[in-house]
């Protein structure tokens, strides 16, 4: 039997380039982002409102590079388990009580590769770097919340 898709961790960063910190919950505001996050402001581009990444992609990355990077190192807001996020691109889905629309893949960048000092990071995480989402209906997101395709 397959495990249900769920949120593993929720993370925020108050400033661009600042430390990513794990939080017990984040409040998502439609059309703005996660309260307390660096990109949360009304009128922000839909693709910067919330980012997700699969814990399985992080585990694979750590295995391939023989590292033990924490999930916060990957600078995404929500870490999931049990769902292929790429399949949610262009779709409406829910994370806990929050309704999202998958806008585009969150491809890795040279900034992250340089910041972590791991050559090959971009290549390894291409198409595995997560999903950028627009918040359609707000609410709280917490570890253990279900990730459900179809909104």
C-alpha atoms as a PDB file:
ATOM      1  CA  UNK A   1       0.000   0.000   0.000  1.00  0.00           C
ATOM      2  CA  UNK A   2       1.320   3.429  -0.941  1.00  0.00           C
ATOM      3  CA  UNK A   3       1.794   6.002   1.820  1.00  0.00           C
ATOM      4  CA  UNK A   4      -0.312   9.135   1.556  1.00  0.00           C
ATOM      5  CA  UNK A   5       1.386  12.250   0.216  1.00  0.00           C
ATOM      6  CA  UNK A   6       2.217  14.663   3.009  1.00  0.00           C
ATOM      7  CA  UNK A   7       4.145  17.693   4.179  1.00  0.00           C
ATOM      8  CA  UNK A   8       7.398  16.765   5.937  1.00  0.00           C
ATOM      9  CA  UNK A   9       8.638  20.248   6.871  1.00  0.00           C
ATOM     10  CA  UNK A  10       7.674  23.893   6.431  1.00  0.00           C
ATOM     11  CA  UNK A  11      10.401  26.523   6.055  1.00  0.00           C
ATOM     12  CA  UNK A  12      10.624  30.317   5.786  1.00  0.00           C
ATOM     13  CA  UNK A  13      13.314  32.902   5.194  1.00  0.00           C
ATOM     14  CA  UNK A  14      12.715  36.482   6.307  1.00  0.00           C
ATOM     15  CA  UNK A  15      15.249  37.980   3.874  1.00  0.00           C
ATOM     16  CA  UNK A  16      16.439  37.141   0.383  1.00  0.00           C
ATOM     17  CA  UNK A  17      19.608  35.091   0.769  1.00  0.00           C
ATOM     18  CA  UNK A  18      18.941  34.837   4.518  1.00  0.00           C
ATOM     19  CA  UNK A  19      18.831  31.723   6.647  1.00  0.00           C
ATOM     20  CA  UNK A  20      16.012  29.275   6.029  1.00  0.00           C
ATOM     21  CA  UNK A  21      14.355  28.208   9.244  1.00  0.00           C
ATOM     22  CA  UNK A  22      12.005  25.342   9.968  1.00  0.00           C
ATOM     23  CA  UNK A  23       8.661  26.474  11.411  1.00  0.00           C
ATOM     24  CA  UNK A  24       5.780  24.522  13.016  1.00  0.00           C
ATOM     25  CA  UNK A  25       3.335  26.138  10.576  1.00  0.00           C
ATOM     26  CA  UNK A  26       3.118  28.797   7.919  1.00  0.00           C
ATOM     27  CA  UNK A  27       0.103  30.913   7.059  1.00  0.00           C
ATOM     28  CA  UNK A  28      -0.479  31.161   3.321  1.00  0.00           C
ATOM     29  CA  UNK A  29      -2.211  34.265   1.980  1.00  0.00           C
ATOM     30  CA  UNK A  30      -3.842  34.063  -1.440  1.00  0.00           C
ATOM     31  CA  UNK A  31      -2.125  36.280  -3.978  1.00  0.00           C
ATOM     32  CA  UNK A  32       0.785  37.111  -1.656  1.00  0.00           C
ATOM     33  CA  UNK A  33       2.742  34.184  -0.202  1.00  0.00           C
ATOM     34  CA  UNK A  34       3.653  32.766   3.186  1.00  0.00           C
ATOM     35  CA  UNK A  35       3.515  35.245   6.060  1.00  0.00           C
ATOM     36  CA  UNK A  36       7.044  35.974   7.297  1.00  0.00           C
ATOM     37  CA  UNK A  37       8.702  34.770   4.083  1.00  0.00           C
ATOM     38  CA  UNK A  38      10.977  36.944   1.971  1.00  0.00           C
ATOM     39  CA  UNK A  39       8.638  37.005  -1.029  1.00  0.00           C
ATOM     40  CA  UNK A  40       5.321  37.569   0.765  1.00  0.00           C
ATOM     41  CA  UNK A  41       3.701  40.692  -0.640  1.00  0.00           C
ATOM     42  CA  UNK A  42       0.500  41.368  -2.545  1.00  0.00           C
ATOM     43  CA  UNK A  43       1.013  41.649  -6.277  1.00  0.00           C
ATOM     44  CA  UNK A  44       4.043  39.344  -6.262  1.00  0.00           C
ATOM     45  CA  UNK A  45       4.426  37.027  -9.236  1.00  0.00           C
ATOM     46  CA  UNK A  46       2.421  33.794  -8.792  1.00  0.00           C
ATOM     47  CA  UNK A  47       5.583  31.731  -9.220  1.00  0.00           C
ATOM     48  CA  UNK A  48       7.253  33.218  -6.131  1.00  0.00           C
ATOM     49  CA  UNK A  49       4.371  32.768  -3.676  1.00  0.00           C
ATOM     50  CA  UNK A  50       5.298  29.257  -2.483  1.00  0.00           C
ATOM     51  CA  UNK A  51       7.825  26.586  -3.437  1.00  0.00           C
ATOM     52  CA  UNK A  52       7.777  22.855  -2.769  1.00  0.00           C
ATOM     53  CA  UNK A  53      10.394  20.105  -3.125  1.00  0.00           C
ATOM     54  CA  UNK A  54      10.217  16.321  -2.692  1.00  0.00           C
ATOM     55  CA  UNK A  55      12.125  14.847   0.248  1.00  0.00           C
ATOM     56  CA  UNK A  56      12.893  11.907  -2.046  1.00  0.00           C
ATOM     57  CA  UNK A  57      14.820  14.240  -4.413  1.00  0.00           C
ATOM     58  CA  UNK A  58      16.840  15.557  -1.462  1.00  0.00           C
ATOM     59  CA  UNK A  59      17.565  12.007  -0.248  1.00  0.00           C
ATOM     60  CA  UNK A  60      18.703  11.011  -3.751  1.00  0.00           C
ATOM     61  CA  UNK A  61      20.881  14.117  -3.992  1.00  0.00           C
ATOM     62  CA  UNK A  62      22.555  13.357  -0.656  1.00  0.00           C
ATOM     63  CA  UNK A  63      23.153   9.766  -1.734  1.00  0.00           C
ATOM     64  CA  UNK A  64      24.644  10.685  -5.136  1.00  0.00           C
ATOM     65  CA  UNK A  65      26.973  13.318  -3.642  1.00  0.00           C
ATOM     66  CA  UNK A  66      27.676  11.446  -0.383  1.00  0.00           C
ATOM     67  CA  UNK A  67      26.480  14.464   1.601  1.00  0.00           C
ATOM     68  CA  UNK A  68      24.063  14.949   4.449  1.00  0.00           C
ATOM     69  CA  UNK A  69      22.626  18.356   3.583  1.00  0.00           C
ATOM     70  CA  UNK A  70      19.556  19.327   5.602  1.00  0.00           C
ATOM     71  CA  UNK A  71      16.355  19.997   3.670  1.00  0.00           C
ATOM     72  CA  UNK A  72      16.665  23.682   4.547  1.00  0.00           C
ATOM     73  CA  UNK A  73      19.802  23.889   2.370  1.00  0.00           C
ATOM     74  CA  UNK A  74      17.609  23.555  -0.733  1.00  0.00           C
ATOM     75  CA  UNK A  75      15.775  26.831   0.074  1.00  0.00           C
ATOM     76  CA  UNK A  76      12.189  25.683  -0.574  1.00  0.00           C
ATOM     77  CA  UNK A  77       9.149  26.470   1.595  1.00  0.00           C
ATOM     78  CA  UNK A  78       7.460  23.091   1.799  1.00  0.00           C
ATOM     79  CA  UNK A  79       9.137  19.681   1.757  1.00  0.00           C
ATOM     80  CA  UNK A  80       6.831  16.843   0.717  1.00  0.00           C
ATOM     81  CA  UNK A  81       6.915  13.059   0.712  1.00  0.00           C
ATOM     82  CA  UNK A  82       4.973  10.596  -1.399  1.00  0.00           C
ATOM     83  CA  UNK A  83       4.005  12.689  -4.430  1.00  0.00           C
ATOM     84  CA  UNK A  84       5.623  13.548  -7.751  1.00  0.00           C
ATOM     85  CA  UNK A  85       5.427  17.326  -7.763  1.00  0.00           C
ATOM     86  CA  UNK A  86       6.158  17.598 -11.497  1.00  0.00           C
ATOM     87  CA  UNK A  87       2.766  15.992 -12.146  1.00  0.00           C
ATOM     88  CA  UNK A  88       1.100  18.967 -10.427  1.00  0.00           C
ATOM     89  CA  UNK A  89       2.430  21.576 -12.853  1.00  0.00           C
ATOM     90  CA  UNK A  90      -0.569  23.391 -14.344  1.00  0.00           C
ATOM     91  CA  UNK A  91      -2.956  21.716 -11.895  1.00  0.00           C
ATOM     92  CA  UNK A  92      -4.912  22.894  -8.860  1.00  0.00           C
ATOM     93  CA  UNK A  93      -4.247  20.889  -5.678  1.00  0.00           C
ATOM     94  CA  UNK A  94      -4.318  21.240  -1.904  1.00  0.00           C
ATOM     95  CA  UNK A  95      -1.681  21.208   0.791  1.00  0.00           C
ATOM     96  CA  UNK A  96      -3.470  20.967   4.115  1.00  0.00           C
ATOM     97  CA  UNK A  97      -6.199  23.615   3.954  1.00  0.00           C
ATOM     98  CA  UNK A  98      -4.416  25.663   1.264  1.00  0.00           C
ATOM     99  CA  UNK A  99      -5.405  25.545  -2.399  1.00  0.00           C
ATOM    100  CA  UNK A 100      -2.521  25.943  -4.846  1.00  0.00           C
ATOM    101  CA  UNK A 101      -1.907  25.995  -8.567  1.00  0.00           C
ATOM    102  CA  UNK A 102       1.351  24.512  -9.816  1.00  0.00           C
ATOM    103  CA  UNK A 103       2.830  27.284 -11.992  1.00  0.00           C
ATOM    104  CA  UNK A 104       6.221  25.977 -13.131  1.00  0.00           C
ATOM    105  CA  UNK A 105       9.057  23.694 -12.178  1.00  0.00           C
ATOM    106  CA  UNK A 106      11.468  25.200  -9.682  1.00  0.00           C
ATOM    107  CA  UNK A 107      14.687  24.403 -11.499  1.00  0.00           C
ATOM    108  CA  UNK A 108      17.959  24.628  -9.591  1.00  0.00           C
ATOM    109  CA  UNK A 109      20.206  27.611 -10.181  1.00  0.00           C
ATOM    110  CA  UNK A 110      23.895  28.409 -10.193  1.00  0.00           C
ATOM    111  CA  UNK A 111      23.320  30.535  -7.067  1.00  0.00           C
ATOM    112  CA  UNK A 112      22.386  27.449  -5.031  1.00  0.00           C
ATOM    113  CA  UNK A 113      25.232  25.424  -6.546  1.00  0.00           C
ATOM    114  CA  UNK A 114      27.742  28.137  -5.630  1.00  0.00           C
ATOM    115  CA  UNK A 115      26.226  28.704  -2.177  1.00  0.00           C
ATOM    116  CA  UNK A 116      26.501  25.007  -1.312  1.00  0.00           C
ATOM    117  CA  UNK A 117      29.837  24.545  -3.095  1.00  0.00           C
ATOM    118  CA  UNK A 118      28.738  21.388  -4.898  1.00  0.00           C
ATOM    119  CA  UNK A 119      29.650  21.233  -8.595  1.00  0.00           C
ATOM    120  CA  UNK A 120      27.052  19.171 -10.413  1.00  0.00           C
ATOM    121  CA  UNK A 121      24.156  20.316  -8.229  1.00  0.00           C
ATOM    122  CA  UNK A 122      22.300  21.968 -11.112  1.00  0.00           C
ATOM    123  CA  UNK A 123      22.623  18.879 -13.304  1.00  0.00           C
ATOM    124  CA  UNK A 124      21.513  16.509 -10.534  1.00  0.00           C
ATOM    125  CA  UNK A 125      18.466  18.576  -9.550  1.00  0.00           C
ATOM    126  CA  UNK A 126      17.286  19.499 -13.051  1.00  0.00           C
ATOM    127  CA  UNK A 127      13.565  18.569 -13.174  1.00  0.00           C
ATOM    128  CA  UNK A 128      13.830  17.511  -9.494  1.00  0.00           C
ATOM    129  CA  UNK A 129      14.188  20.943  -7.891  1.00  0.00           C
ATOM    130  CA  UNK A 130      10.549  21.311  -6.940  1.00  0.00           C
ATOM    131  CA  UNK A 131       7.485  23.262  -7.980  1.00  0.00           C
ATOM    132  CA  UNK A 132       6.620  26.962  -7.878  1.00  0.00           C
ATOM    133  CA  UNK A 133       3.014  27.618  -6.882  1.00  0.00           C
ATOM    134  CA  UNK A 134       0.378  30.311  -6.783  1.00  0.00           C
ATOM    135  CA  UNK A 135      -1.727  30.448  -3.610  1.00  0.00           C
ATOM    136  CA  UNK A 136      -5.396  30.449  -4.650  1.00  0.00           C
ATOM    137  CA  UNK A 137      -6.994  30.024  -1.206  1.00  0.00           C
ATOM    138  CA  UNK A 138      -5.086  30.628   2.003  1.00  0.00           C
ATOM    139  CA  UNK A 139      -4.801  28.894   5.344  1.00  0.00           C
ATOM    140  CA  UNK A 140      -2.188  27.130   7.441  1.00  0.00           C
ATOM    141  CA  UNK A 141       0.348  24.553   6.269  1.00  0.00           C
ATOM    142  CA  UNK A 142       1.889  22.207   8.852  1.00  0.00           C
ATOM    143  CA  UNK A 143       4.062  19.094   8.865  1.00  0.00           C
ATOM    144  CA  UNK A 144       1.817  16.052   8.487  1.00  0.00           C
ATOM    145  CA  UNK A 145      -0.734  17.862   6.294  1.00  0.00           C
ATOM    146  CA  UNK A 146      -1.949  15.914   3.286  1.00  0.00           C
ATOM    147  CA  UNK A 147      -0.946  16.863  -0.253  1.00  0.00           C
ATOM    148  CA  UNK A 148      -3.950  16.085  -2.449  1.00  0.00           C
ATOM    149  CA  UNK A 149      -4.079  16.319  -6.240  1.00  0.00           C
ATOM    150  CA  UNK A 150      -7.258  18.004  -7.437  1.00  0.00           C
ATOM    151  CA  UNK A 151      -8.410  21.158  -5.711  1.00  0.00           C
END
